Amino acid sequence: MNEKISELTYKLKEQLNIDPRIIALNKSEKSMKESEEVMALSYRKDIALDRYNEMLKYYSDDSEEVVKARQDLALAKKELDSHPLVRDYLYKYQQVRILFEQVNQSLFSLLNNDMCPKEIKR
């Protein structure tokens, strides 16, 4: 039985690797990672996040310093997420996530929840 499961799993992996949605996602990810603009925006967001976390260590959540750092972080994240390459990647990622949810549902929906009890009563 284990051999059959391994064989079927390998076939599923092969089919997923040639799925156009996964191929498109991989291409989009490569383009995004190679973009100097995206790298700069990502770095700016990371710096804003570090600054925000640092401000939280020293000031209260509603202090002027934390509010300003939070606004800077939100702006940096918005600029990164608005970049066309990032938007394209996120859209394609969503399509692949839906595919994986469908695969998961197909494979595991027939399992009985009582097969693996959470605790054994003695």
PDB file of N, CA and C in Angstrom:
ATOM      1  N   MET A   1       0.815  -1.187   0.000  1.00  0.00           N
ATOM      2  CA  MET A   1       0.000   0.000   0.000  1.00  0.00           C
ATOM      3  C   MET A   1       0.866   1.262   0.000  1.00  0.00           C
ATOM      4  N   ASN A   2       1.969   1.236   0.754  1.00  0.00           N
ATOM      5  CA  ASN A   2       2.839   2.406   0.798  1.00  0.00           C
ATOM      6  C   ASN A   2       3.434   2.715  -0.568  1.00  0.00           C
ATOM      7  N   GLU A   3       3.764   1.663  -1.333  1.00  0.00           N
ATOM      8  CA  GLU A   3       4.309   1.877  -2.674  1.00  0.00           C
ATOM      9  C   GLU A   3       3.271   2.542  -3.574  1.00  0.00           C
ATOM     10  N   LYS A   4       2.035   2.109  -3.473  1.00  0.00           N
ATOM     11  CA  LYS A   4       0.966   2.680  -4.282  1.00  0.00           C
ATOM     12  C   LYS A   4       0.752   4.150  -3.923  1.00  0.00           C
ATOM     13  N   ILE A   5       0.767   4.451  -2.630  1.00  0.00           N
ATOM     14  CA  ILE A   5       0.606   5.839  -2.190  1.00  0.00           C
ATOM     15  C   ILE A   5       1.774   6.681  -2.686  1.00  0.00           C
ATOM     16  N   SER A   6       2.986   6.152  -2.591  1.00  0.00           N
ATOM     17  CA  SER A   6       4.168   6.882  -3.080  1.00  0.00           C
ATOM     18  C   SER A   6       4.072   7.142  -4.574  1.00  0.00           C
ATOM     19  N   GLU A   7       3.637   6.142  -5.311  1.00  0.00           N
ATOM     20  CA  GLU A   7       3.499   6.284  -6.763  1.00  0.00           C
ATOM     21  C   GLU A   7       2.459   7.340  -7.114  1.00  0.00           C
ATOM     22  N   LEU A   8       1.312   7.299  -6.458  1.00  0.00           N
ATOM     23  CA  LEU A   8       0.258   8.273  -6.714  1.00  0.00           C
ATOM     24  C   LEU A   8       0.682   9.688  -6.290  1.00  0.00           C
ATOM     25  N   THR A   9       1.395   9.772  -5.195  1.00  0.00           N
ATOM     26  CA  THR A   9       1.887  11.075  -4.734  1.00  0.00           C
ATOM     27  C   THR A   9       2.861  11.663  -5.739  1.00  0.00           C
ATOM     28  N   TYR A  10       3.745  10.835  -6.259  1.00  0.00           N
ATOM     29  CA  TYR A  10       4.709  11.302  -7.253  1.00  0.00           C
ATOM     30  C   TYR A  10       3.986  11.773  -8.522  1.00  0.00           C
ATOM     31  N   LYS A  11       2.972  11.037  -8.944  1.00  0.00           N
ATOM     32  CA  LYS A  11       2.196  11.439 -10.122  1.00  0.00           C
ATOM     33  C   LYS A  11       1.489  12.778  -9.891  1.00  0.00           C
ATOM     34  N   LEU A  12       0.939  12.943  -8.699  1.00  0.00           N
ATOM     35  CA  LEU A  12       0.297  14.212  -8.371  1.00  0.00           C
ATOM     36  C   LEU A  12       1.317  15.345  -8.421  1.00  0.00           C
ATOM     37  N   LYS A  13       2.484  15.128  -7.854  1.00  0.00           N
ATOM     38  CA  LYS A  13       3.539  16.148  -7.865  1.00  0.00           C
ATOM     39  C   LYS A  13       3.934  16.494  -9.295  1.00  0.00           C
ATOM     40  N   GLU A  14       4.060  15.493 -10.156  1.00  0.00           N
ATOM     41  CA  GLU A  14       4.398  15.737 -11.567  1.00  0.00           C
ATOM     42  C   GLU A  14       3.331  16.591 -12.247  1.00  0.00           C
ATOM     43  N   GLN A  15       2.071  16.269 -11.981  1.00  0.00           N
ATOM     44  CA  GLN A  15       0.974  17.025 -12.589  1.00  0.00           C
ATOM     45  C   GLN A  15       0.942  18.466 -12.077  1.00  0.00           C
ATOM     46  N   LEU A  16       1.201  18.635 -10.794  1.00  0.00           N
ATOM     47  CA  LEU A  16       1.228  19.988 -10.245  1.00  0.00           C
ATOM     48  C   LEU A  16       2.375  20.799 -10.844  1.00  0.00           C
ATOM     49  N   ASN A  17       3.512  20.168 -11.063  1.00  0.00           N
ATOM     50  CA  ASN A  17       4.669  20.871 -11.627  1.00  0.00           C
ATOM     51  C   ASN A  17       4.436  21.365 -13.046  1.00  0.00           C
ATOM     52  N   ILE A  18       3.510  20.748 -13.766  1.00  0.00           N
ATOM     53  CA  ILE A  18       3.236  21.188 -15.138  1.00  0.00           C
ATOM     54  C   ILE A  18       1.941  21.983 -15.249  1.00  0.00           C
ATOM     55  N   ASP A  19       1.304  22.226 -14.109  1.00  0.00           N
ATOM     56  CA  ASP A  19       0.079  23.027 -14.122  1.00  0.00           C
ATOM     57  C   ASP A  19       0.427  24.463 -14.522  1.00  0.00           C
ATOM     58  N   PRO A  20      -0.314  25.033 -15.466  1.00  0.00           N
ATOM     59  CA  PRO A  20      -0.006  26.393 -15.934  1.00  0.00           C
ATOM     60  C   PRO A  20      -0.042  27.452 -14.828  1.00  0.00           C
ATOM     61  N   ARG A  21      -0.890  27.249 -13.826  1.00  0.00           N
ATOM     62  CA  ARG A  21      -0.967  28.212 -12.727  1.00  0.00           C
ATOM     63  C   ARG A  21       0.314  28.217 -11.899  1.00  0.00           C
ATOM     64  N   ILE A  22       0.873  27.044 -11.677  1.00  0.00           N
ATOM     65  CA  ILE A  22       2.109  26.952 -10.894  1.00  0.00           C
ATOM     66  C   ILE A  22       3.293  27.454 -11.711  1.00  0.00           C
ATOM     67  N   ILE A  23       3.310  27.134 -12.986  1.00  0.00           N
ATOM     68  CA  ILE A  23       4.368  27.644 -13.866  1.00  0.00           C
ATOM     69  C   ILE A  23       4.329  29.169 -13.902  1.00  0.00           C
ATOM     70  N   ALA A  24       3.130  29.733 -14.033  1.00  0.00           N
ATOM     71  CA  ALA A  24       2.976  31.198 -14.072  1.00  0.00           C
ATOM     72  C   ALA A  24       3.405  31.824 -12.744  1.00  0.00           C
ATOM     73  N   LEU A  25       3.059  31.185 -11.641  1.00  0.00           N
ATOM     74  CA  LEU A  25       3.456  31.698 -10.332  1.00  0.00           C
ATOM     75  C   LEU A  25       4.982  31.707 -10.198  1.00  0.00           C
ATOM     76  N   ASN A  26       5.624  30.639 -10.604  1.00  0.00           N
ATOM     77  CA  ASN A  26       7.086  30.566 -10.515  1.00  0.00           C
ATOM     78  C   ASN A  26       7.755  31.639 -11.364  1.00  0.00           C
ATOM     79  N   LYS A  27       7.227  31.862 -12.574  1.00  0.00           N
ATOM     80  CA  LYS A  27       7.778  32.920 -13.434  1.00  0.00           C
ATOM     81  C   LYS A  27       7.577  34.294 -12.806  1.00  0.00           C
ATOM     82  N   SER A  28       6.403  34.511 -12.255  1.00  0.00           N
ATOM     83  CA  SER A  28       6.099  35.787 -11.619  1.00  0.00           C
ATOM     84  C   SER A  28       7.004  36.016 -10.407  1.00  0.00           C
ATOM     85  N   GLU A  29       7.214  34.979  -9.630  1.00  0.00           N
ATOM     86  CA  GLU A  29       8.091  35.089  -8.463  1.00  0.00           C
ATOM     87  C   GLU A  29       9.519  35.424  -8.882  1.00  0.00           C
ATOM     88  N   LYS A  30       9.990  34.787  -9.935  1.00  0.00           N
ATOM     89  CA  LYS A  30      11.346  35.048 -10.437  1.00  0.00           C
ATOM     90  C   LYS A  30      11.468  36.512 -10.881  1.00  0.00           C
ATOM     91  N   SER A  31      10.487  37.000 -11.622  1.00  0.00           N
ATOM     92  CA  SER A  31      10.500  38.392 -12.074  1.00  0.00           C
ATOM     93  C   SER A  31      10.499  39.355 -10.889  1.00  0.00           C
ATOM     94  N   MET A  32       9.701  39.042  -9.913  1.00  0.00           N
ATOM     95  CA  MET A  32       9.588  39.903  -8.740  1.00  0.00           C
ATOM     96  C   MET A  32      10.906  39.937  -7.969  1.00  0.00           C
ATOM     97  N   LYS A  33      11.520  38.775  -7.793  1.00  0.00           N
ATOM     98  CA  LYS A  33      12.771  38.693  -7.040  1.00  0.00           C
ATOM     99  C   LYS A  33      13.942  39.356  -7.767  1.00  0.00           C
ATOM    100  N   GLU A  34      13.859  39.435  -9.077  1.00  0.00           N
ATOM    101  CA  GLU A  34      14.934  40.036  -9.865  1.00  0.00           C
ATOM    102  C   GLU A  34      14.759  41.547 -10.046  1.00  0.00           C
ATOM    103  N   SER A  35      13.632  42.071  -9.630  1.00  0.00           N
ATOM    104  CA  SER A  35      13.340  43.497  -9.815  1.00  0.00           C
ATOM    105  C   SER A  35      14.026  44.338  -8.730  1.00  0.00           C
ATOM    106  N   GLU A  36      14.857  45.268  -9.184  1.00  0.00           N
ATOM    107  CA  GLU A  36      15.513  46.169  -8.235  1.00  0.00           C
ATOM    108  C   GLU A  36      14.499  47.080  -7.556  1.00  0.00           C
ATOM    109  N   GLU A  37      13.459  47.470  -8.279  1.00  0.00           N
ATOM    110  CA  GLU A  37      12.410  48.306  -7.686  1.00  0.00           C
ATOM    111  C   GLU A  37      11.718  47.578  -6.547  1.00  0.00           C
ATOM    112  N   VAL A  38      11.365  46.322  -6.784  1.00  0.00           N
ATOM    113  CA  VAL A  38      10.685  45.540  -5.751  1.00  0.00           C
ATOM    114  C   VAL A  38      11.620  45.325  -4.569  1.00  0.00           C
ATOM    115  N   MET A  39      12.886  45.042  -4.839  1.00  0.00           N
ATOM    116  CA  MET A  39      13.844  44.849  -3.745  1.00  0.00           C
ATOM    117  C   MET A  39      13.966  46.122  -2.898  1.00  0.00           C
ATOM    118  N   ALA A  40      14.007  47.273  -3.553  1.00  0.00           N
ATOM    119  CA  ALA A  40      14.114  48.536  -2.825  1.00  0.00           C
ATOM    120  C   ALA A  40      12.861  48.789  -1.980  1.00  0.00           C
ATOM    121  N   LEU A  41      11.684  48.523  -2.551  1.00  0.00           N
ATOM    122  CA  LEU A  41      10.437  48.701  -1.802  1.00  0.00           C
ATOM    123  C   LEU A  41      10.347  47.725  -0.632  1.00  0.00           C
ATOM    124  N   SER A  42      10.803  46.512  -0.854  1.00  0.00           N
ATOM    125  CA  SER A  42      10.800  45.503   0.203  1.00  0.00           C
ATOM    126  C   SER A  42      11.752  45.908   1.330  1.00  0.00           C
ATOM    127  N   TYR A  43      12.907  46.419   0.951  1.00  0.00           N
ATOM    128  CA  TYR A  43      13.873  46.873   1.946  1.00  0.00           C
ATOM    129  C   TYR A  43      13.295  48.042   2.748  1.00  0.00           C
ATOM    130  N   ARG A  44      12.645  48.958   2.048  1.00  0.00           N
ATOM    131  CA  ARG A  44      12.022  50.105   2.729  1.00  0.00           C
ATOM    132  C   ARG A  44      10.964  49.634   3.724  1.00  0.00           C
ATOM    133  N   LYS A  45      10.168  48.641   3.313  1.00  0.00           N
ATOM    134  CA  LYS A  45       9.147  48.086   4.210  1.00  0.00           C
ATOM    135  C   LYS A  45       9.802  47.419   5.420  1.00  0.00           C
ATOM    136  N   ASP A  46      10.883  46.675   5.195  1.00  0.00           N
ATOM    137  CA  ASP A  46      11.579  46.006   6.299  1.00  0.00           C
ATOM    138  C   ASP A  46      12.155  47.010   7.292  1.00  0.00           C
ATOM    139  N   ILE A  47      12.725  48.096   6.774  1.00  0.00           N
ATOM    140  CA  ILE A  47      13.262  49.141   7.648  1.00  0.00           C
ATOM    141  C   ILE A  47      12.137  49.777   8.465  1.00  0.00           C
ATOM    142  N   ALA A  48      11.006  50.041   7.822  1.00  0.00           N
ATOM    143  CA  ALA A  48       9.857  50.625   8.518  1.00  0.00           C
ATOM    144  C   ALA A  48       9.333  49.671   9.592  1.00  0.00           C
ATOM    145  N   LEU A  49       9.330  48.385   9.295  1.00  0.00           N
ATOM    146  CA  LEU A  49       8.884  47.391  10.280  1.00  0.00           C
ATOM    147  C   LEU A  49       9.839  47.354  11.473  1.00  0.00           C
ATOM    148  N   ASP A  50      11.129  47.361  11.199  1.00  0.00           N
ATOM    149  CA  ASP A  50      12.113  47.368  12.291  1.00  0.00           C
ATOM    150  C   ASP A  50      11.938  48.609  13.165  1.00  0.00           C
ATOM    151  N   ARG A  51      11.749  49.749  12.511  1.00  0.00           N
ATOM    152  CA  ARG A  51      11.571  51.002  13.264  1.00  0.00           C
ATOM    153  C   ARG A  51      10.300  50.946  14.106  1.00  0.00           C
ATOM    154  N   TYR A  52       9.226  50.433  13.535  1.00  0.00           N
ATOM    155  CA  TYR A  52       7.968  50.306  14.271  1.00  0.00           C
ATOM    156  C   TYR A  52       8.153  49.403  15.496  1.00  0.00           C
ATOM    157  N   ASN A  53       8.783  48.253  15.299  1.00  0.00           N
ATOM    158  CA  ASN A  53       9.013  47.339  16.424  1.00  0.00           C
ATOM    159  C   ASN A  53       9.901  47.978  17.491  1.00  0.00           C
ATOM    160  N   GLU A  54      10.877  48.744  17.056  1.00  0.00           N
ATOM    161  CA  GLU A  54      11.758  49.439  17.996  1.00  0.00           C
ATOM    162  C   GLU A  54      10.978  50.484  18.795  1.00  0.00           C
ATOM    163  N   MET A  55      10.121  51.215  18.127  1.00  0.00           N
ATOM    164  CA  MET A  55       9.315  52.231  18.823  1.00  0.00           C
ATOM    165  C   MET A  55       8.389  51.591  19.856  1.00  0.00           C
ATOM    166  N   LEU A  56       7.869  50.409  19.533  1.00  0.00           N
ATOM    167  CA  LEU A  56       6.977  49.721  20.472  1.00  0.00           C
ATOM    168  C   LEU A  56       7.698  49.323  21.759  1.00  0.00           C
ATOM    169  N   LYS A  57       9.001  49.138  21.675  1.00  0.00           N
ATOM    170  CA  LYS A  57       9.767  48.762  22.869  1.00  0.00           C
ATOM    171  C   LYS A  57       9.854  49.905  23.872  1.00  0.00           C
ATOM    172  N   TYR A  58       9.825  51.136  23.371  1.00  0.00           N
ATOM    173  CA  TYR A  58      10.099  52.287  24.225  1.00  0.00           C
ATOM    174  C   TYR A  58       8.896  53.192  24.485  1.00  0.00           C
ATOM    175  N   TYR A  59       7.885  53.107  23.620  1.00  0.00           N
ATOM    176  CA  TYR A  59       6.753  54.019  23.732  1.00  0.00           C
ATOM    177  C   TYR A  59       5.447  53.240  23.796  1.00  0.00           C
ATOM    178  N   SER A  60       4.432  53.891  24.307  1.00  0.00           N
ATOM    179  CA  SER A  60       3.115  53.250  24.362  1.00  0.00           C
ATOM    180  C   SER A  60       2.527  53.187  22.951  1.00  0.00           C
ATOM    181  N   ASP A  61       1.552  52.305  22.799  1.00  0.00           N
ATOM    182  CA  ASP A  61       0.951  52.058  21.485  1.00  0.00           C
ATOM    183  C   ASP A  61       0.304  53.300  20.871  1.00  0.00           C
ATOM    184  N   ASP A  62      -0.165  54.196  21.700  1.00  0.00           N
ATOM    185  CA  ASP A  62      -0.834  55.390  21.183  1.00  0.00           C
ATOM    186  C   ASP A  62       0.062  56.633  21.193  1.00  0.00           C
ATOM    187  N   SER A  63       1.354  56.445  21.426  1.00  0.00           N
ATOM    188  CA  SER A  63       2.274  57.582  21.428  1.00  0.00           C
ATOM    189  C   SER A  63       2.470  58.122  20.012  1.00  0.00           C
ATOM    190  N   GLU A  64       2.902  59.362  19.939  1.00  0.00           N
ATOM    191  CA  GLU A  64       3.129  60.007  18.647  1.00  0.00           C
ATOM    192  C   GLU A  64       4.185  59.252  17.832  1.00  0.00           C
ATOM    193  N   GLU A  65       5.218  58.765  18.500  1.00  0.00           N
ATOM    194  CA  GLU A  65       6.303  58.046  17.820  1.00  0.00           C
ATOM    195  C   GLU A  65       5.822  56.730  17.208  1.00  0.00           C
ATOM    196  N   VAL A  66       5.022  55.999  17.961  1.00  0.00           N
ATOM    197  CA  VAL A  66       4.507  54.711  17.465  1.00  0.00           C
ATOM    198  C   VAL A  66       3.497  54.936  16.353  1.00  0.00           C
ATOM    199  N   VAL A  67       2.637  55.908  16.511  1.00  0.00           N
ATOM    200  CA  VAL A  67       1.640  56.209  15.477  1.00  0.00           C
ATOM    201  C   VAL A  67       2.337  56.576  14.172  1.00  0.00           C
ATOM    202  N   LYS A  68       3.364  57.423  14.257  1.00  0.00           N
ATOM    203  CA  LYS A  68       4.114  57.818  13.057  1.00  0.00           C
ATOM    204  C   LYS A  68       4.813  56.608  12.427  1.00  0.00           C
ATOM    205  N   ALA A  69       5.431  55.774  13.248  1.00  0.00           N
ATOM    206  CA  ALA A  69       6.116  54.585  12.733  1.00  0.00           C
ATOM    207  C   ALA A  69       5.119  53.627  12.086  1.00  0.00           C
ATOM    208  N   ARG A  70       3.925  53.497  12.673  1.00  0.00           N
ATOM    209  CA  ARG A  70       2.882  52.630  12.107  1.00  0.00           C
ATOM    210  C   ARG A  70       2.414  53.165  10.762  1.00  0.00           C
ATOM    211  N   GLN A  71       2.253  54.467  10.664  1.00  0.00           N
ATOM    212  CA  GLN A  71       1.842  55.089   9.394  1.00  0.00           C
ATOM    213  C   GLN A  71       2.916  54.888   8.325  1.00  0.00           C
ATOM    214  N   ASP A  72       4.178  55.052   8.708  1.00  0.00           N
ATOM    215  CA  ASP A  72       5.276  54.833   7.759  1.00  0.00           C
ATOM    216  C   ASP A  72       5.304  53.392   7.274  1.00  0.00           C
ATOM    217  N   LEU A  73       5.070  52.460   8.201  1.00  0.00           N
ATOM    218  CA  LEU A  73       5.036  51.037   7.833  1.00  0.00           C
ATOM    219  C   LEU A  73       3.870  50.758   6.887  1.00  0.00           C
ATOM    220  N   ALA A  74       2.709  51.291   7.184  1.00  0.00           N
ATOM    221  CA  ALA A  74       1.536  51.069   6.328  1.00  0.00           C
ATOM    222  C   ALA A  74       1.779  51.619   4.924  1.00  0.00           C
ATOM    223  N   LEU A  75       2.389  52.794   4.847  1.00  0.00           N
ATOM    224  CA  LEU A  75       2.683  53.394   3.547  1.00  0.00           C
ATOM    225  C   LEU A  75       3.697  52.556   2.774  1.00  0.00           C
ATOM    226  N   ALA A  76       4.746  52.106   3.453  1.00  0.00           N
ATOM    227  CA  ALA A  76       5.771  51.282   2.790  1.00  0.00           C
ATOM    228  C   ALA A  76       5.177  49.968   2.297  1.00  0.00           C
ATOM    229  N   LYS A  77       4.311  49.361   3.107  1.00  0.00           N
ATOM    230  CA  LYS A  77       3.669  48.098   2.702  1.00  0.00           C
ATOM    231  C   LYS A  77       2.731  48.333   1.525  1.00  0.00           C
ATOM    232  N   LYS A  78       1.997  49.433   1.559  1.00  0.00           N
ATOM    233  CA  LYS A  78       1.080  49.746   0.456  1.00  0.00           C
ATOM    234  C   LYS A  78       1.849  49.950  -0.847  1.00  0.00           C
ATOM    235  N   GLU A  79       2.956  50.665  -0.777  1.00  0.00           N
ATOM    236  CA  GLU A  79       3.765  50.895  -1.977  1.00  0.00           C
ATOM    237  C   GLU A  79       4.319  49.585  -2.526  1.00  0.00           C
ATOM    238  N   LEU A  80       4.779  48.700  -1.637  1.00  0.00           N
ATOM    239  CA  LEU A  80       5.281  47.395  -2.085  1.00  0.00           C
ATOM    240  C   LEU A  80       4.150  46.580  -2.712  1.00  0.00           C
ATOM    241  N   ASP A  81       3.035  46.486  -2.035  1.00  0.00           N
ATOM    242  CA  ASP A  81       1.909  45.681  -2.523  1.00  0.00           C
ATOM    243  C   ASP A  81       1.279  46.252  -3.790  1.00  0.00           C
ATOM    244  N   SER A  82       1.495  47.544  -4.051  1.00  0.00           N
ATOM    245  CA  SER A  82       0.925  48.175  -5.235  1.00  0.00           C
ATOM    246  C   SER A  82       1.800  48.039  -6.478  1.00  0.00           C
ATOM    247  N   HIS A  83       3.028  47.588  -6.293  1.00  0.00           N
ATOM    248  CA  HIS A  83       3.920  47.442  -7.447  1.00  0.00           C
ATOM    249  C   HIS A  83       3.326  46.396  -8.395  1.00  0.00           C
ATOM    250  N   PRO A  84       3.338  46.649  -9.705  1.00  0.00           N
ATOM    251  CA  PRO A  84       2.715  45.714 -10.662  1.00  0.00           C
ATOM    252  C   PRO A  84       3.250  44.279 -10.580  1.00  0.00           C
ATOM    253  N   LEU A  85       4.537  44.113 -10.359  1.00  0.00           N
ATOM    254  CA  LEU A  85       5.082  42.753 -10.263  1.00  0.00           C
ATOM    255  C   LEU A  85       4.588  42.040  -9.005  1.00  0.00           C
ATOM    256  N   VAL A  86       4.472  42.770  -7.918  1.00  0.00           N
ATOM    257  CA  VAL A  86       3.983  42.180  -6.667  1.00  0.00           C
ATOM    258  C   VAL A  86       2.498  41.863  -6.797  1.00  0.00           C
ATOM    259  N   ARG A  87       1.742  42.767  -7.394  1.00  0.00           N
ATOM    260  CA  ARG A  87       0.307  42.517  -7.597  1.00  0.00           C
ATOM    261  C   ARG A  87       0.093  41.276  -8.467  1.00  0.00           C
ATOM    262  N   ASP A  88       0.895  41.158  -9.523  1.00  0.00           N
ATOM    263  CA  ASP A  88       0.798  39.993 -10.398  1.00  0.00           C
ATOM    264  C   ASP A  88       1.116  38.714  -9.631  1.00  0.00           C
ATOM    265  N   TYR A  89       2.174  38.760  -8.835  1.00  0.00           N
ATOM    266  CA  TYR A  89       2.561  37.592  -8.037  1.00  0.00           C
ATOM    267  C   TYR A  89       1.449  37.218  -7.057  1.00  0.00           C
ATOM    268  N   LEU A  90       0.913  38.195  -6.345  1.00  0.00           N
ATOM    269  CA  LEU A  90      -0.126  37.908  -5.357  1.00  0.00           C
ATOM    270  C   LEU A  90      -1.382  37.327  -6.005  1.00  0.00           C
ATOM    271  N   TYR A  91      -1.726  37.816  -7.197  1.00  0.00           N
ATOM    272  CA  TYR A  91      -2.878  37.269  -7.913  1.00  0.00           C
ATOM    273  C   TYR A  91      -2.624  35.800  -8.288  1.00  0.00           C
ATOM    274  N   LYS A  92      -1.449  35.536  -8.827  1.00  0.00           N
ATOM    275  CA  LYS A  92      -1.122  34.166  -9.231  1.00  0.00           C
ATOM    276  C   LYS A  92      -0.973  33.250  -8.023  1.00  0.00           C
ATOM    277  N   TYR A  93      -0.464  33.779  -6.929  1.00  0.00           N
ATOM    278  CA  TYR A  93      -0.367  33.007  -5.691  1.00  0.00           C
ATOM    279  C   TYR A  93      -1.765  32.599  -5.222  1.00  0.00           C
ATOM    280  N   GLN A  94      -2.709  33.508  -5.307  1.00  0.00           N
ATOM    281  CA  GLN A  94      -4.091  33.216  -4.913  1.00  0.00           C
ATOM    282  C   GLN A  94      -4.666  32.084  -5.773  1.00  0.00           C
ATOM    283  N   GLN A  95      -4.378  32.095  -7.069  1.00  0.00           N
ATOM    284  CA  GLN A  95      -4.878  31.044  -7.958  1.00  0.00           C
ATOM    285  C   GLN A  95      -4.299  29.677  -7.572  1.00  0.00           C
ATOM    286  N   VAL A  96      -3.030  29.648  -7.230  1.00  0.00           N
ATOM    287  CA  VAL A  96      -2.385  28.390  -6.825  1.00  0.00           C
ATOM    288  C   VAL A  96      -2.914  27.939  -5.464  1.00  0.00           C
ATOM    289  N   ARG A  97      -3.148  28.884  -4.578  1.00  0.00           N
ATOM    290  CA  ARG A  97      -3.708  28.540  -3.279  1.00  0.00           C
ATOM    291  C   ARG A  97      -5.083  27.883  -3.438  1.00  0.00           C
ATOM    292  N   ILE A  98      -5.884  28.407  -4.345  1.00  0.00           N
ATOM    293  CA  ILE A  98      -7.198  27.813  -4.625  1.00  0.00           C
ATOM    294  C   ILE A  98      -7.023  26.397  -5.168  1.00  0.00           C
ATOM    295  N   LEU A  99      -6.062  26.217  -6.069  1.00  0.00           N
ATOM    296  CA  LEU A  99      -5.770  24.880  -6.612  1.00  0.00           C
ATOM    297  C   LEU A  99      -5.420  23.917  -5.487  1.00  0.00           C
ATOM    298  N   PHE A 100      -4.534  24.338  -4.591  1.00  0.00           N
ATOM    299  CA  PHE A 100      -4.122  23.462  -3.490  1.00  0.00           C
ATOM    300  C   PHE A 100      -5.273  23.170  -2.533  1.00  0.00           C
ATOM    301  N   GLU A 101      -6.156  24.134  -2.327  1.00  0.00           N
ATOM    302  CA  GLU A 101      -7.331  23.886  -1.498  1.00  0.00           C
ATOM    303  C   GLU A 101      -8.232  22.836  -2.147  1.00  0.00           C
ATOM    304  N   GLN A 102      -8.372  22.899  -3.465  1.00  0.00           N
ATOM    305  CA  GLN A 102      -9.182  21.914  -4.181  1.00  0.00           C
ATOM    306  C   GLN A 102      -8.556  20.521  -4.083  1.00  0.00           C
ATOM    307  N   VAL A 103      -7.250  20.450  -4.232  1.00  0.00           N
ATOM    308  CA  VAL A 103      -6.549  19.164  -4.105  1.00  0.00           C
ATOM    309  C   VAL A 103      -6.737  18.633  -2.693  1.00  0.00           C
ATOM    310  N   ASN A 104      -6.535  19.478  -1.718  1.00  0.00           N
ATOM    311  CA  ASN A 104      -6.691  19.083  -0.323  1.00  0.00           C
ATOM    312  C   ASN A 104      -8.105  18.580  -0.055  1.00  0.00           C
ATOM    313  N   GLN A 105      -9.082  19.295  -0.545  1.00  0.00           N
ATOM    314  CA  GLN A 105     -10.477  18.895  -0.355  1.00  0.00           C
ATOM    315  C   GLN A 105     -10.750  17.554  -1.025  1.00  0.00           C
ATOM    316  N   SER A 106     -10.241  17.366  -2.235  1.00  0.00           N
ATOM    317  CA  SER A 106     -10.457  16.109  -2.956  1.00  0.00           C
ATOM    318  C   SER A 106      -9.812  14.928  -2.242  1.00  0.00           C
ATOM    319  N   LEU A 107      -8.640  15.149  -1.708  1.00  0.00           N
ATOM    320  CA  LEU A 107      -7.911  14.048  -1.079  1.00  0.00           C
ATOM    321  C   LEU A 107      -8.430  13.695   0.307  1.00  0.00           C
ATOM    322  N   PHE A 108      -8.825  14.706   1.069  1.00  0.00           N
ATOM    323  CA  PHE A 108      -9.092  14.455   2.479  1.00  0.00           C
ATOM    324  C   PHE A 108     -10.540  14.628   2.894  1.00  0.00           C
ATOM    325  N   SER A 109     -11.407  15.007   1.992  1.00  0.00           N
ATOM    326  CA  SER A 109     -12.804  15.239   2.372  1.00  0.00           C
ATOM    327  C   SER A 109     -13.525  13.948   2.756  1.00  0.00           C
ATOM    328  N   LEU A 110     -13.054  12.837   2.251  1.00  0.00           N
ATOM    329  CA  LEU A 110     -13.728  11.576   2.541  1.00  0.00           C
ATOM    330  C   LEU A 110     -13.285  10.946   3.857  1.00  0.00           C
ATOM    331  N   LEU A 111     -12.232  11.485   4.450  1.00  0.00           N
ATOM    332  CA  LEU A 111     -11.772  10.935   5.719  1.00  0.00           C
ATOM    333  C   LEU A 111     -12.784  11.210   6.806  1.00  0.00           C
ATOM    334  N   ASN A 112     -12.970  10.235   7.640  1.00  0.00           N
ATOM    335  CA  ASN A 112     -13.887  10.355   8.757  1.00  0.00           C
ATOM    336  C   ASN A 112     -13.159  11.063   9.898  1.00  0.00           C
ATOM    337  N   ASN A 113     -13.749  12.106  10.410  1.00  0.00           N
ATOM    338  CA  ASN A 113     -13.133  12.857  11.509  1.00  0.00           C
ATOM    339  C   ASN A 113     -12.918  12.008  12.753  1.00  0.00           C
ATOM    340  N   ASP A 114     -13.674  10.932  12.886  1.00  0.00           N
ATOM    341  CA  ASP A 114     -13.550  10.076  14.066  1.00  0.00           C
ATOM    342  C   ASP A 114     -12.406   9.073  13.943  1.00  0.00           C
ATOM    343  N   MET A 115     -11.725   9.056  12.798  1.00  0.00           N
ATOM    344  CA  MET A 115     -10.631   8.103  12.609  1.00  0.00           C
ATOM    345  C   MET A 115      -9.463   8.391  13.556  1.00  0.00           C
ATOM    346  N   CYS A 116      -9.263   9.624  13.863  1.00  0.00           N
ATOM    347  CA  CYS A 116      -8.160  10.027  14.739  1.00  0.00           C
ATOM    348  C   CYS A 116      -8.732  10.830  15.904  1.00  0.00           C
ATOM    349  N   PRO A 117      -9.169  10.149  16.934  1.00  0.00           N
ATOM    350  CA  PRO A 117      -9.756  10.876  18.056  1.00  0.00           C
ATOM    351  C   PRO A 117      -8.717  11.788  18.711  1.00  0.00           C
ATOM    352  N   LYS A 118      -9.188  12.919  19.203  1.00  0.00           N
ATOM    353  CA  LYS A 118      -8.284  13.895  19.825  1.00  0.00           C
ATOM    354  C   LYS A 118      -7.717  13.381  21.130  1.00  0.00           C
ATOM    355  N   GLU A 119      -8.504  12.652  21.859  1.00  0.00           N
ATOM    356  CA  GLU A 119      -8.007  12.073  23.103  1.00  0.00           C
ATOM    357  C   GLU A 119      -8.646  10.704  23.312  1.00  0.00           C
ATOM    358  N   ILE A 120      -7.904   9.871  23.925  1.00  0.00           N
ATOM    359  CA  ILE A 120      -8.390   8.522  24.180  1.00  0.00           C
ATOM    360  C   ILE A 120      -8.979   8.503  25.589  1.00  0.00           C
ATOM    361  N   LYS A 121     -10.209   8.101  25.677  1.00  0.00           N
ATOM    362  CA  LYS A 121     -10.866   8.018  26.980  1.00  0.00           C
ATOM    363  C   LYS A 121     -10.562   6.665  27.597  1.00  0.00           C
ATOM    364  N   ARG A 122     -10.225   6.698  28.872  1.00  0.00           N
ATOM    365  CA  ARG A 122      -9.891   5.444  29.578  1.00  0.00           C
ATOM    366  C   ARG A 122     -10.928   5.101  30.594  1.00  0.00           C
TER     367      ARG A 122
END
